[in-house]
Amino acid sequence: MPVQLRAINLPPKPGVYLFKDDNERVLYVGKATDLRERIRSYFAKNPDRAMIPGLIAAADDVDFVITNNPQEALILERQLVREHRPRYNSMLKDDKSYPFIVITKEEIPRLLYTRNPPKKSWVWGPFANAGAAKTVISLLRRNLGLRDCKELLPQGCLSMHIGLCSGPCIEVGDYSQRVRSARDILDGKALGLIEEIAAEMDTASAKMNYEAAAISRDRIKAIRTVLSQQIISSTVYRDCDAIGIAVQGDLAAIVVIHADDGIIKGQETWPMIHHSDQGQTISTFVADHYSSRRPPKLLLLPTPISEVLQDWLDSRRDSKVEVRVPLRGDFAVLRKMAEQNASVQIENLSRKRAGSLEQRAADDGAKLLEVDSLNHIVCFDMAQLQGEERVGASVVMRNGRPAKKDYRTYVVKGDAMDDLRMMREVVERWLKRQEQWPDLLLIDGGHTHLDIIQKLLLEHGISDRLPLGSLAKREETLSRPNQPDLILDSRGRVLVHARDEAHRFVNNFHRKRRSRKKLSDPLISVKGLGAKKFQSLLRHFGGRQGIQHASVNELQITPGIGKSLAMRIYEALH
């Protein structure tokens, strides 16, 4: 079935989202600064792209990977698009690609800036900041003299003559060492180069050559920009799984991020039962996870594993599996990224578990009442203040959970002062707007409330289509037409929850109206004027207008109203 917005719970963080079908095939990959808000935009009434309705209809789920910043999300998006080739990306997005820094694996390697890296090469990127990548290449060429020409020229080239290339086409010399230094810098070991440029910046600044100092400053910034992206793309990532874990009670979420060929390929999320010891949970997962797949060459874990498990991994792979618990460097960053995603996933798993408990409550209630389902319950309650603030409310329970979007409030329009007729009016207004009947219409009250609503259903000819019940607080007694009363036990908790939620909701609505009323109704503050005496005034004078125009003598002859109270009422109104 098409994916529903209410079934998706993404965090308000930067990252990448993946629409998947029911076979876990990736349909679309996108990036977002705020994952939650971006996904909500796909379910707008008027989507900004024509293909979005088709994508929503074809998708069964939305997965995600959170990143540290939007730039990392952009890079990861391109990698995942290249990996999965989702068909909707070609429909919804252009073919824009991002640049890479490449050192070819030729006899005399070249340093290149390209959007299409050759197969036989060392690759860094893609880079969101193309300008920074170009600056780094210029620095490497200036400092290390690496060539970028397409062919070797025996007489040398212009770059050699102007000092941008060491001229390996004429004399190789230490060129292999220069290539090794460039690879180290691009792998993150750039402290020496940064210190060299910083010294140039200080010298230029001391000579008050601020333009040159600014150029050096920008070069350092470019190097750091490029190197900061190594969490997503790093040449050290070769057939590597990073495992992160997050725990909540007896539930654990484990995330596996797989990286190869220098880039992150994707992630998987697995729920686990947690048995107090994190190391045990990780070991159990590793043994289960790799029992049906070949272990990677490198495994990054939050805790060490036993020698027995290490030997088993080696036998599964038919070669040595390197197991690390990294604390620094690219591997530590990748492992922490897995833990960060696991922390988000544990919240989603907890909500799903809560949902399953709530569904169980609905199922238990259905068994207790001997009905097919209680997945849709509507419950009504009423409230009033001195006959004036007469309000009602309905709440909806779907699959045992409050469906707050379906909650409704009502202001009683008729002259009825008692709860019974007020309830009848509100329920009748609700009936006229219904297109789908719930599994149970529940009323807060006893037999008298049940009888009046049952008569209403009979008048509308729907008593046989709309199951009805009333729930009294006395011993939590459920009454139904033509059935004996039932005192609820724990299996009826979904009905008690619905009744209590309706009571809370209507009282909250009533309280808000009462607070507004206090600002305009002077009778509210009259000492000694309670609900019963106010009702007596209303009956005697026929409404508020009669009370407003009554004299003190007329007020005091009202049953229950003495002379002093009559004076206070008159003074409050005048």
Protein backbone atom coordinates (compact mmCIF):
# COMPACT_ATOMS: atom_id res chain seq x y z
CA MET A 1 0.00 0.00 0.00
CA PRO A 2 1.22 3.58 -0.58
CA VAL A 3 3.37 4.98 2.19
CA GLN A 4 1.46 7.16 4.69
CA LEU A 5 2.87 10.31 6.29
CA ARG A 6 1.69 9.29 9.76
CA ALA A 7 3.75 6.08 9.46
CA ILE A 8 6.97 8.05 8.85
CA ASN A 9 8.96 9.47 11.70
CA LEU A 10 12.13 11.23 10.62
CA PRO A 11 14.27 13.45 12.86
CA PRO A 12 14.65 17.21 12.24
CA LYS A 13 18.31 16.74 11.25
CA PRO A 14 20.35 16.90 8.05
CA GLY A 15 20.71 13.69 6.11
CA VAL A 16 19.62 11.55 3.19
CA TYR A 17 16.23 9.89 2.73
CA LEU A 18 15.40 6.85 0.59
CA PHE A 19 11.94 5.93 -0.71
CA LYS A 20 11.71 2.13 -0.98
CA ASP A 21 9.11 -0.28 -2.38
CA ASP A 22 7.82 -3.42 -0.63
CA ASN A 23 10.82 -5.37 -1.95
CA GLU A 24 13.28 -2.93 -0.31
CA ARG A 25 14.28 -1.63 -3.75
CA VAL A 26 15.32 2.04 -3.64
CA LEU A 27 12.99 4.21 -5.74
CA TYR A 28 14.36 7.64 -4.93
CA VAL A 29 17.24 9.20 -2.97
CA GLY A 30 17.14 12.78 -1.75
CA LYS A 31 18.99 15.06 0.65
CA ALA A 32 17.63 17.47 3.23
CA THR A 33 18.74 20.04 5.76
CA ASP A 34 15.72 19.01 7.86
CA LEU A 35 14.60 15.45 7.09
CA ARG A 36 11.23 15.77 8.85
CA GLU A 37 10.13 18.93 7.03
CA ARG A 38 11.42 17.74 3.66
CA ILE A 39 9.41 14.50 3.79
CA ARG A 40 6.28 16.39 4.83
CA SER A 41 6.54 18.44 1.64
CA TYR A 42 6.04 15.28 -0.44
CA PHE A 43 2.56 14.87 1.04
CA ALA A 44 1.37 18.40 0.28
CA LYS A 45 -1.94 18.77 -1.52
CA ASN A 46 -0.22 20.41 -4.48
CA PRO A 47 3.29 18.90 -4.81
CA ASP A 48 5.81 20.98 -6.73
CA ARG A 49 6.77 18.12 -9.08
CA ALA A 50 4.39 16.08 -11.24
CA MET A 51 6.06 12.72 -10.55
CA ILE A 52 5.73 12.91 -6.76
CA PRO A 53 2.22 11.33 -6.55
CA GLY A 54 3.54 8.35 -8.54
CA LEU A 55 6.51 8.04 -6.20
CA ILE A 56 4.28 8.12 -3.10
CA ALA A 57 1.95 5.50 -4.61
CA ALA A 58 4.86 3.18 -5.46
CA ALA A 59 6.74 3.57 -2.14
CA ASP A 60 6.16 1.32 0.86
CA ASP A 61 8.63 2.87 3.30
CA VAL A 62 11.05 5.77 3.81
CA ASP A 63 14.50 5.06 5.23
CA PHE A 64 17.13 7.64 6.17
CA VAL A 65 20.76 8.25 7.11
CA ILE A 66 21.54 11.28 9.26
CA THR A 67 24.74 13.24 8.66
CA ASN A 68 26.63 15.92 10.55
CA ASN A 69 25.75 18.70 8.11
CA PRO A 70 23.94 19.39 4.80
CA GLN A 71 27.21 19.23 2.85
CA GLU A 72 27.77 15.64 3.92
CA ALA A 73 24.16 14.88 3.00
CA LEU A 74 24.74 16.24 -0.50
CA ILE A 75 27.80 14.08 -1.01
CA LEU A 76 26.16 10.95 0.39
CA GLU A 77 23.12 11.53 -1.82
CA ARG A 78 25.25 11.42 -4.97
CA GLN A 79 27.01 8.28 -3.80
CA LEU A 80 23.75 6.47 -3.06
CA VAL A 81 22.20 7.58 -6.36
CA ARG A 82 25.24 6.15 -8.16
CA GLU A 83 25.02 2.96 -6.11
CA HIS A 84 21.28 2.25 -6.43
CA ARG A 85 20.38 4.10 -9.68
CA PRO A 86 16.79 4.81 -8.48
CA ARG A 87 14.39 5.25 -11.38
CA TYR A 88 12.59 8.25 -9.85
CA ASN A 89 15.82 10.22 -9.51
CA SER A 90 16.05 10.47 -13.29
CA MET A 91 12.47 11.76 -13.30
CA LEU A 92 12.68 14.19 -10.43
CA LYS A 93 16.23 15.46 -10.57
CA ASP A 94 18.76 16.58 -13.12
CA ASP A 95 21.96 14.72 -13.87
CA LYS A 96 24.19 17.18 -12.04
CA SER A 97 27.30 15.52 -10.68
CA TYR A 98 29.95 16.73 -8.25
CA PRO A 99 33.71 16.88 -8.70
CA PHE A 100 36.33 14.44 -7.49
CA ILE A 101 40.05 14.68 -6.89
CA VAL A 102 41.79 11.80 -8.61
CA ILE A 103 45.32 10.39 -8.77
CA THR A 104 45.58 7.89 -11.60
CA LYS A 105 47.29 4.52 -11.23
CA GLU A 106 49.51 4.98 -14.29
CA GLU A 107 53.24 4.37 -14.33
CA ILE A 108 53.63 8.12 -13.82
CA PRO A 109 50.35 9.11 -12.05
CA ARG A 110 48.38 12.27 -12.87
CA LEU A 111 46.54 14.57 -10.46
CA LEU A 112 43.08 15.39 -11.86
CA TYR A 113 39.95 17.38 -11.12
CA THR A 114 37.08 15.49 -12.75
CA ARG A 115 33.38 14.65 -12.51
CA ASN A 116 33.92 11.20 -14.04
CA PRO A 117 36.77 9.41 -12.26
CA PRO A 118 38.59 6.73 -14.29
CA LYS A 119 38.28 3.18 -12.98
CA LYS A 120 41.97 2.65 -12.26
CA SER A 121 42.64 5.52 -9.88
CA TRP A 122 42.64 6.71 -6.28
CA VAL A 123 39.53 8.82 -5.76
CA TRP A 124 38.56 11.46 -3.18
CA GLY A 125 35.10 13.07 -3.15
CA PRO A 126 32.62 13.97 -4.46
CA PHE A 127 32.98 17.51 -3.14
CA ALA A 128 30.09 19.90 -2.58
CA ASN A 129 32.50 22.84 -2.73
CA ALA A 130 34.09 22.68 -6.18
CA GLY A 131 36.13 25.82 -5.54
CA ALA A 132 37.78 24.26 -2.48
CA ALA A 133 38.64 21.12 -4.46
CA LYS A 134 40.27 23.20 -7.23
CA THR A 135 42.27 25.17 -4.65
CA VAL A 136 43.60 21.98 -3.07
CA ILE A 137 44.63 20.63 -6.47
CA SER A 138 46.47 23.89 -7.22
CA LEU A 139 48.26 23.66 -3.87
CA LEU A 140 49.30 20.05 -4.45
CA ARG A 141 50.59 20.86 -7.92
CA ARG A 142 52.46 23.92 -6.65
CA ASN A 143 54.01 22.13 -3.67
CA LEU A 144 54.51 18.61 -5.07
CA GLY A 145 54.74 19.17 -8.81
CA LEU A 146 52.30 16.45 -9.89
CA ARG A 147 51.47 16.30 -13.61
CA ASP A 148 47.98 16.64 -15.13
CA CYS A 149 48.84 16.34 -18.86
CA LYS A 150 47.17 13.66 -20.98
CA GLU A 151 50.42 12.35 -22.46
CA LEU A 152 54.11 12.36 -21.66
CA LEU A 153 56.15 14.80 -23.71
CA PRO A 154 59.92 14.11 -24.09
CA GLN A 155 60.63 17.82 -24.28
CA GLY A 156 58.47 18.67 -21.27
CA CYS A 157 55.39 20.91 -21.17
CA LEU A 158 54.38 24.45 -20.26
CA SER A 159 53.48 23.42 -16.67
CA MET A 160 57.02 22.12 -16.17
CA HIS A 161 58.59 25.29 -17.50
CA ILE A 162 56.49 27.53 -15.20
CA GLY A 163 57.18 25.36 -12.15
CA LEU A 164 53.80 23.62 -11.70
CA CYS A 165 55.12 20.16 -12.62
CA SER A 166 58.33 18.42 -11.55
CA GLY A 167 58.81 17.09 -15.12
CA PRO A 168 58.69 13.30 -14.61
CA CYS A 169 58.41 12.88 -18.37
CA ILE A 170 62.07 13.96 -18.61
CA GLU A 171 63.38 12.68 -15.25
CA VAL A 172 61.28 10.57 -12.85
CA GLY A 173 63.46 11.16 -9.80
CA ASP A 174 61.43 11.13 -6.53
CA TYR A 175 58.07 11.40 -8.29
CA SER A 176 56.63 8.29 -6.57
CA GLN A 177 57.38 9.88 -3.19
CA ARG A 178 55.60 13.05 -4.30
CA VAL A 179 52.54 10.98 -5.24
CA ARG A 180 52.65 9.24 -1.87
CA SER A 181 52.76 12.62 -0.10
CA ALA A 182 49.75 13.86 -2.07
CA ARG A 183 47.78 10.75 -1.15
CA ASP A 184 48.65 11.21 2.52
CA ILE A 185 47.49 14.84 2.43
CA LEU A 186 44.19 13.92 0.77
CA ASP A 187 43.74 11.14 3.36
CA GLY A 188 43.84 13.76 6.09
CA LYS A 189 47.54 13.96 6.95
CA ALA A 190 47.84 17.58 5.89
CA LEU A 191 49.28 19.15 9.03
CA GLY A 192 52.69 19.74 7.44
CA LEU A 193 51.20 21.45 4.40
CA ILE A 194 48.89 23.59 6.56
CA GLU A 195 51.81 24.64 8.78
CA GLU A 196 53.87 25.56 5.71
CA ILE A 197 51.07 27.74 4.31
CA ALA A 198 50.43 29.24 7.78
CA ALA A 199 54.10 30.27 7.95
CA GLU A 200 53.73 31.96 4.55
CA MET A 201 50.62 33.75 5.86
CA ASP A 202 52.48 34.99 8.96
CA THR A 203 55.40 36.23 6.87
CA ALA A 204 53.11 38.09 4.48
CA SER A 205 51.18 39.60 7.39
CA ALA A 206 54.38 40.76 9.10
CA LYS A 207 55.38 42.53 5.86
CA MET A 208 51.85 44.07 5.78
CA ASN A 209 51.18 42.24 2.55
CA TYR A 210 47.64 41.54 3.60
CA GLU A 211 46.45 40.49 0.16
CA ALA A 212 48.97 37.62 0.07
CA ALA A 213 48.12 36.73 3.68
CA ALA A 214 44.44 36.51 2.75
CA ILE A 215 45.28 34.18 -0.15
CA SER A 216 47.18 31.88 2.25
CA ARG A 217 44.31 32.00 4.71
CA ASP A 218 41.84 30.95 1.98
CA ARG A 219 44.16 28.09 0.95
CA ILE A 220 44.17 26.72 4.51
CA LYS A 221 40.39 27.04 4.61
CA ALA A 222 40.11 25.13 1.31
CA ILE A 223 42.27 22.28 2.60
CA ARG A 224 40.19 21.98 5.77
CA THR A 225 36.95 22.10 3.77
CA VAL A 226 38.07 19.23 1.57
CA LEU A 227 39.42 17.16 4.43
CA SER A 228 36.28 17.71 6.54
CA GLN A 229 34.34 15.62 4.05
CA GLN A 230 36.33 12.47 4.73
CA ILE A 231 33.57 11.09 6.99
CA ILE A 232 31.58 10.45 3.82
CA SER A 233 34.44 9.75 1.48
CA SER A 234 37.82 8.41 2.54
CA THR A 235 40.32 6.25 0.71
CA VAL A 236 40.77 4.15 3.85
CA TYR A 237 37.22 2.79 3.50
CA ARG A 238 37.76 -0.61 1.88
CA ASP A 239 35.19 -3.42 2.44
CA CYS A 240 34.34 -2.06 5.86
CA ASP A 241 31.30 -2.44 8.17
CA ALA A 242 30.83 0.06 11.02
CA ILE A 243 28.39 -1.07 13.72
CA GLY A 244 26.65 1.31 16.11
CA ILE A 245 24.25 0.51 18.96
CA ALA A 246 21.71 2.46 21.00
CA VAL A 247 19.78 0.99 23.93
CA GLN A 248 16.45 1.85 25.55
CA GLY A 249 15.42 -0.54 28.31
CA ASP A 250 15.45 -4.07 26.93
CA LEU A 251 15.34 -2.84 23.33
CA ALA A 252 18.40 -2.14 21.21
CA ALA A 253 18.77 -0.64 17.74
CA ILE A 254 21.84 -1.69 15.79
CA VAL A 255 22.91 0.18 12.66
CA VAL A 256 25.39 -1.25 10.16
CA ILE A 257 27.03 1.24 7.78
CA HIS A 258 28.85 -0.40 4.88
CA ALA A 259 31.68 1.39 3.10
CA ASP A 260 33.81 0.27 0.17
CA ASP A 261 35.80 1.82 -2.65
CA GLY A 262 36.37 4.85 -0.43
CA ILE A 263 32.68 5.77 -0.01
CA ILE A 264 29.67 4.89 2.13
CA LYS A 265 27.40 2.47 0.27
CA GLY A 266 24.42 2.49 2.64
CA GLN A 267 23.12 1.35 6.02
CA GLU A 268 20.83 -1.24 7.61
CA THR A 269 18.91 -1.09 10.89
CA TRP A 270 18.21 -4.13 13.08
CA PRO A 271 16.15 -4.34 16.30
CA MET A 272 17.56 -6.51 19.10
CA ILE A 273 16.60 -7.65 22.57
CA HIS A 274 19.15 -6.15 24.93
CA HIS A 275 20.34 -8.26 27.87
CA SER A 276 21.97 -5.68 30.16
CA ASP A 277 25.47 -6.15 28.68
CA GLN A 278 26.27 -4.19 25.50
CA GLY A 279 29.17 -6.44 24.58
CA GLN A 280 26.92 -9.50 24.73
CA THR A 281 24.28 -7.82 22.54
CA ILE A 282 26.92 -6.82 19.97
CA SER A 283 28.43 -10.32 19.95
CA THR A 284 24.99 -11.92 19.51
CA PHE A 285 24.25 -9.58 16.60
CA VAL A 286 27.61 -10.17 14.89
CA ALA A 287 27.17 -13.97 15.11
CA ASP A 288 23.64 -13.77 13.74
CA HIS A 289 24.29 -11.11 11.09
CA TYR A 290 27.28 -12.80 9.47
CA SER A 291 25.91 -16.32 9.66
CA SER A 292 24.12 -15.66 6.35
CA ARG A 293 26.64 -13.32 4.66
CA ARG A 294 30.37 -13.02 4.19
CA PRO A 295 32.02 -10.84 6.84
CA PRO A 296 33.86 -7.73 5.58
CA LYS A 297 37.60 -7.32 5.53
CA LEU A 298 37.36 -4.70 8.32
CA LEU A 299 34.79 -4.62 11.15
CA LEU A 300 34.45 -1.51 13.33
CA LEU A 301 32.74 -2.18 16.68
CA PRO A 302 31.91 -0.22 19.85
CA THR A 303 33.21 -3.05 22.06
CA PRO A 304 35.79 -5.85 21.67
CA ILE A 305 34.72 -9.42 20.87
CA SER A 306 35.97 -12.78 22.12
CA GLU A 307 38.70 -14.83 20.46
CA VAL A 308 36.14 -17.55 19.72
CA LEU A 309 33.96 -15.10 17.75
CA GLN A 310 37.06 -13.70 16.01
CA ASP A 311 38.06 -17.19 14.86
CA TRP A 312 34.50 -17.84 13.65
CA LEU A 313 34.52 -14.61 11.58
CA ASP A 314 37.85 -15.60 10.04
CA SER A 315 36.47 -19.01 9.09
CA ARG A 316 33.32 -17.45 7.59
CA ARG A 317 35.43 -15.18 5.39
CA ASP A 318 38.18 -17.74 4.67
CA SER A 319 40.67 -15.00 5.52
CA LYS A 320 41.54 -12.67 8.36
CA VAL A 321 38.81 -10.24 9.50
CA GLU A 322 40.34 -7.18 11.09
CA VAL A 323 38.23 -6.15 14.10
CA ARG A 324 38.81 -2.67 15.56
CA VAL A 325 37.34 -0.45 18.27
CA PRO A 326 38.63 2.86 16.86
CA LEU A 327 38.84 5.96 19.06
CA ARG A 328 40.44 8.41 16.59
CA GLY A 329 40.69 9.00 12.88
CA ASP A 330 38.41 8.23 9.91
CA PHE A 331 37.37 4.84 11.27
CA ALA A 332 36.28 6.35 14.60
CA VAL A 333 34.26 9.00 12.76
CA LEU A 334 32.52 6.32 10.68
CA ARG A 335 31.73 4.24 13.78
CA LYS A 336 30.36 7.31 15.60
CA MET A 337 28.18 8.04 12.59
CA ALA A 338 26.71 4.54 12.95
CA GLU A 339 26.07 5.19 16.66
CA GLN A 340 24.44 8.54 15.87
CA ASN A 341 22.03 6.88 13.45
CA ALA A 342 21.33 4.10 15.95
CA SER A 343 20.32 6.72 18.54
CA VAL A 344 17.70 8.08 16.16
CA GLN A 345 16.49 4.61 15.16
CA ILE A 346 15.94 3.50 18.77
CA GLU A 347 13.33 6.23 19.14
CA ASN A 348 11.46 4.93 16.09
CA LEU A 349 11.62 1.35 17.37
CA SER A 350 10.31 2.43 20.77
CA ARG A 351 7.33 4.14 19.16
CA LYS A 352 6.59 1.06 17.09
CA ARG A 353 6.74 -1.10 20.20
CA ALA A 354 4.38 1.28 22.01
CA GLY A 355 2.08 1.08 19.02
CA SER A 356 2.05 -2.70 19.21
CA LEU A 357 1.12 -2.55 22.91
CA GLU A 358 -1.72 -0.18 22.11
CA GLN A 359 -2.93 -2.45 19.34
CA ARG A 360 -2.87 -5.32 21.81
CA ALA A 361 -5.09 -3.27 24.14
CA ALA A 362 -7.59 -2.77 21.29
CA ASP A 363 -7.50 -6.50 20.50
CA ASP A 364 -7.99 -7.42 24.16
CA GLY A 365 -11.00 -5.10 24.33
CA ALA A 366 -12.52 -6.69 21.22
CA LYS A 367 -12.15 -10.17 22.75
CA LEU A 368 -13.72 -9.00 26.01
CA LEU A 369 -16.75 -7.53 24.20
CA GLU A 370 -16.83 -10.50 21.77
CA VAL A 371 -16.70 -8.28 18.69
CA ASP A 372 -14.52 -8.49 15.61
CA SER A 373 -12.60 -5.27 16.16
CA LEU A 374 -12.20 -2.18 18.36
CA ASN A 375 -9.70 -0.45 16.12
CA HIS A 376 -11.95 2.59 15.73
CA ILE A 377 -13.67 4.01 18.84
CA VAL A 378 -15.42 7.38 19.16
CA CYS A 379 -16.17 8.60 22.68
CA PHE A 380 -18.30 11.59 23.79
CA ASP A 381 -18.35 13.62 27.01
CA MET A 382 -20.06 16.85 28.08
CA ALA A 383 -19.28 19.77 30.37
CA GLN A 384 -21.05 23.00 31.40
CA LEU A 385 -20.68 26.03 33.68
CA GLN A 386 -23.76 27.50 35.34
CA GLY A 387 -25.89 26.64 32.35
CA GLU A 388 -23.98 29.02 30.11
CA GLU A 389 -20.78 27.35 28.95
CA ARG A 390 -22.37 24.17 27.63
CA VAL A 391 -19.86 22.21 25.57
CA GLY A 392 -19.21 18.71 24.34
CA ALA A 393 -16.30 16.86 22.78
CA SER A 394 -15.53 13.65 20.93
CA VAL A 395 -12.23 11.81 20.85
CA VAL A 396 -11.16 9.04 18.49
CA MET A 397 -9.04 5.97 19.23
CA ARG A 398 -7.51 4.17 16.25
CA ASN A 399 -5.69 0.91 16.87
CA GLY A 400 -5.64 1.72 20.57
CA ARG A 401 -3.96 5.11 20.08
CA PRO A 402 -5.50 8.60 20.31
CA ALA A 403 -6.06 10.00 16.81
CA LYS A 404 -5.92 13.67 17.82
CA LYS A 405 -6.47 14.98 14.30
CA ASP A 406 -9.99 13.52 14.52
CA TYR A 407 -10.87 15.11 17.88
CA ARG A 408 -13.82 17.53 17.80
CA THR A 409 -15.35 20.11 20.13
CA TYR A 410 -18.94 21.33 20.19
CA VAL A 411 -20.73 24.31 21.68
CA VAL A 412 -24.35 23.38 22.55
CA LYS A 413 -26.74 25.48 20.48
CA GLY A 414 -30.12 24.41 21.97
CA ASP A 415 -31.82 25.51 25.20
CA ALA A 416 -31.27 22.21 27.00
CA MET A 417 -29.67 22.59 30.43
CA ASP A 418 -29.23 18.93 31.33
CA ASP A 419 -26.43 16.63 30.18
CA LEU A 420 -28.80 14.15 28.54
CA ARG A 421 -30.31 16.53 25.99
CA MET A 422 -26.99 18.26 25.47
CA MET A 423 -25.43 14.87 24.70
CA ARG A 424 -28.24 14.04 22.27
CA GLU A 425 -27.76 17.33 20.39
CA VAL A 426 -23.99 16.90 20.07
CA VAL A 427 -24.14 13.26 18.97
CA GLU A 428 -26.83 14.07 16.40
CA ARG A 429 -24.65 16.81 14.91
CA TRP A 430 -21.80 14.31 14.74
CA LEU A 431 -24.00 11.67 13.04
CA LYS A 432 -24.90 14.01 10.18
CA ARG A 433 -21.23 14.37 9.19
CA GLN A 434 -20.15 10.73 9.29
CA GLU A 435 -19.20 8.75 6.23
CA GLN A 436 -17.70 5.80 8.10
CA TRP A 437 -19.10 4.26 11.30
CA PRO A 438 -16.72 3.36 14.13
CA ASP A 439 -16.49 -0.06 15.72
CA LEU A 440 -17.99 1.43 18.88
CA LEU A 441 -19.73 4.67 19.83
CA LEU A 442 -18.91 5.17 23.52
CA ILE A 443 -20.70 7.59 25.88
CA ASP A 444 -19.43 8.81 29.23
CA GLY A 445 -22.38 8.00 31.47
CA GLY A 446 -24.81 5.34 32.67
CA HIS A 447 -28.08 3.76 31.57
CA THR A 448 -29.95 7.06 31.11
CA HIS A 449 -27.30 8.36 28.70
CA LEU A 450 -27.31 5.03 26.88
CA ASP A 451 -31.11 5.04 26.49
CA ILE A 452 -31.35 8.55 25.03
CA ILE A 453 -28.59 7.93 22.47
CA GLN A 454 -30.06 4.53 21.56
CA LYS A 455 -33.39 6.25 20.82
CA LEU A 456 -31.52 8.73 18.64
CA LEU A 457 -29.91 5.92 16.64
CA LEU A 458 -33.28 4.23 16.22
CA GLU A 459 -34.76 7.49 14.89
CA HIS A 460 -31.99 7.64 12.29
CA GLY A 461 -32.38 3.97 11.41
CA ILE A 462 -28.75 3.08 12.17
CA SER A 463 -28.99 1.31 15.53
CA ASP A 464 -28.09 -1.98 13.85
CA ARG A 465 -25.01 -0.51 12.13
CA LEU A 466 -23.50 1.48 14.97
CA PRO A 467 -22.54 -0.45 18.15
CA LEU A 468 -23.23 1.66 21.24
CA GLY A 469 -22.00 1.60 24.80
CA SER A 470 -21.87 3.81 27.89
CA LEU A 471 -19.15 3.67 30.50
CA ALA A 472 -19.91 4.74 34.05
CA LYS A 473 -17.09 5.50 36.47
CA ARG A 474 -18.78 3.39 39.14
CA GLU A 475 -16.73 0.17 39.08
CA GLU A 476 -15.94 0.95 35.39
CA THR A 477 -19.30 -0.50 34.33
CA LEU A 478 -19.97 -0.82 30.60
CA SER A 479 -23.63 -0.80 29.53
CA ARG A 480 -24.82 -1.86 26.06
CA PRO A 481 -28.33 -2.14 24.58
CA ASN A 482 -30.02 -5.49 25.26
CA GLN A 483 -26.93 -6.86 27.02
CA PRO A 484 -26.04 -7.30 30.67
CA ASP A 485 -23.74 -4.76 32.29
CA LEU A 486 -20.07 -5.64 32.20
CA ILE A 487 -17.53 -4.59 34.82
CA LEU A 488 -14.29 -4.06 32.95
CA ASP A 489 -11.00 -5.64 33.93
CA SER A 490 -7.55 -4.96 32.43
CA ARG A 491 -8.76 -6.24 29.05
CA GLY A 492 -11.09 -3.24 28.82
CA ARG A 493 -8.29 -0.69 29.29
CA VAL A 494 -8.74 0.74 25.77
CA LEU A 495 -12.34 1.73 26.69
CA VAL A 496 -11.26 3.33 29.96
CA HIS A 497 -8.51 5.16 28.08
CA ALA A 498 -11.03 6.50 25.55
CA ARG A 499 -13.43 7.64 28.30
CA ASP A 500 -10.67 9.33 30.32
CA GLU A 501 -9.27 11.00 27.21
CA ALA A 502 -12.72 12.37 26.31
CA HIS A 503 -13.14 13.66 29.87
CA ARG A 504 -9.72 15.35 29.77
CA PHE A 505 -10.31 16.87 26.35
CA VAL A 506 -13.79 18.31 27.04
CA ASN A 507 -12.70 19.71 30.40
CA ASN A 508 -9.73 21.40 28.81
CA PHE A 509 -12.01 22.95 26.18
CA HIS A 510 -14.47 23.94 28.91
CA ARG A 511 -11.68 25.50 30.98
CA LYS A 512 -10.51 27.64 28.06
CA ARG A 513 -14.02 28.96 27.44
CA ARG A 514 -14.51 29.58 31.16
CA SER A 515 -11.32 31.61 31.36
CA ARG A 516 -12.53 33.76 28.48
CA LYS A 517 -15.94 34.05 30.15
CA LYS A 518 -14.40 35.37 33.35
CA LEU A 519 -13.14 38.36 31.45
CA SER A 520 -16.66 39.37 30.35
CA ASP A 521 -19.19 37.86 32.82
CA PRO A 522 -19.39 39.79 36.11
CA LEU A 523 -21.58 37.12 37.75
CA ILE A 524 -18.71 34.65 37.83
CA SER A 525 -17.04 36.56 40.65
CA VAL A 526 -20.19 37.04 42.80
CA LYS A 527 -19.56 35.44 46.18
CA GLY A 528 -22.18 32.85 47.11
CA LEU A 529 -23.63 32.49 43.58
CA GLY A 530 -23.12 28.84 42.72
CA ALA A 531 -24.44 26.73 39.90
CA LYS A 532 -27.75 25.81 41.60
CA LYS A 533 -28.65 29.40 42.54
CA PHE A 534 -27.71 30.57 39.07
CA GLN A 535 -30.00 27.94 37.56
CA SER A 536 -32.76 29.19 39.87
CA LEU A 537 -32.24 32.75 38.59
CA LEU A 538 -32.39 31.60 34.98
CA ARG A 539 -35.64 29.71 35.52
CA HIS A 540 -37.21 32.64 37.45
CA PHE A 541 -36.29 35.37 34.95
CA GLY A 542 -36.27 33.30 31.76
CA GLY A 543 -32.66 34.04 30.85
CA ARG A 544 -29.72 36.41 31.31
CA GLN A 545 -31.54 39.45 29.96
CA GLY A 546 -34.22 39.20 32.65
CA ILE A 547 -31.55 38.98 35.36
CA GLN A 548 -29.77 42.01 33.90
CA HIS A 549 -32.87 44.21 34.15
CA ALA A 550 -34.15 42.94 37.54
CA SER A 551 -34.20 45.18 40.65
CA VAL A 552 -32.80 44.16 44.02
CA ASN A 553 -36.33 43.42 45.32
CA GLU A 554 -37.06 41.25 42.25
CA LEU A 555 -33.79 39.39 42.65
CA GLN A 556 -34.28 38.62 46.35
CA ILE A 557 -37.68 36.97 45.88
CA THR A 558 -36.02 34.33 43.69
CA PRO A 559 -35.91 30.95 45.52
CA GLY A 560 -32.52 30.58 47.23
CA ILE A 561 -31.48 34.23 46.76
CA GLY A 562 -31.38 36.33 49.94
CA LYS A 563 -31.20 40.11 50.32
CA SER A 564 -27.42 40.34 50.68
CA LEU A 565 -26.80 38.04 47.70
CA ALA A 566 -29.35 40.01 45.64
CA MET A 567 -27.42 43.20 46.44
CA ARG A 568 -24.13 41.63 45.33
CA ILE A 569 -25.70 40.39 42.08
CA TYR A 570 -27.21 43.79 41.34
CA GLU A 571 -23.92 45.61 42.07
CA ALA A 572 -22.01 43.22 39.85
CA LEU A 573 -24.37 43.88 36.95
CA HIS A 574 -24.56 47.63 37.36
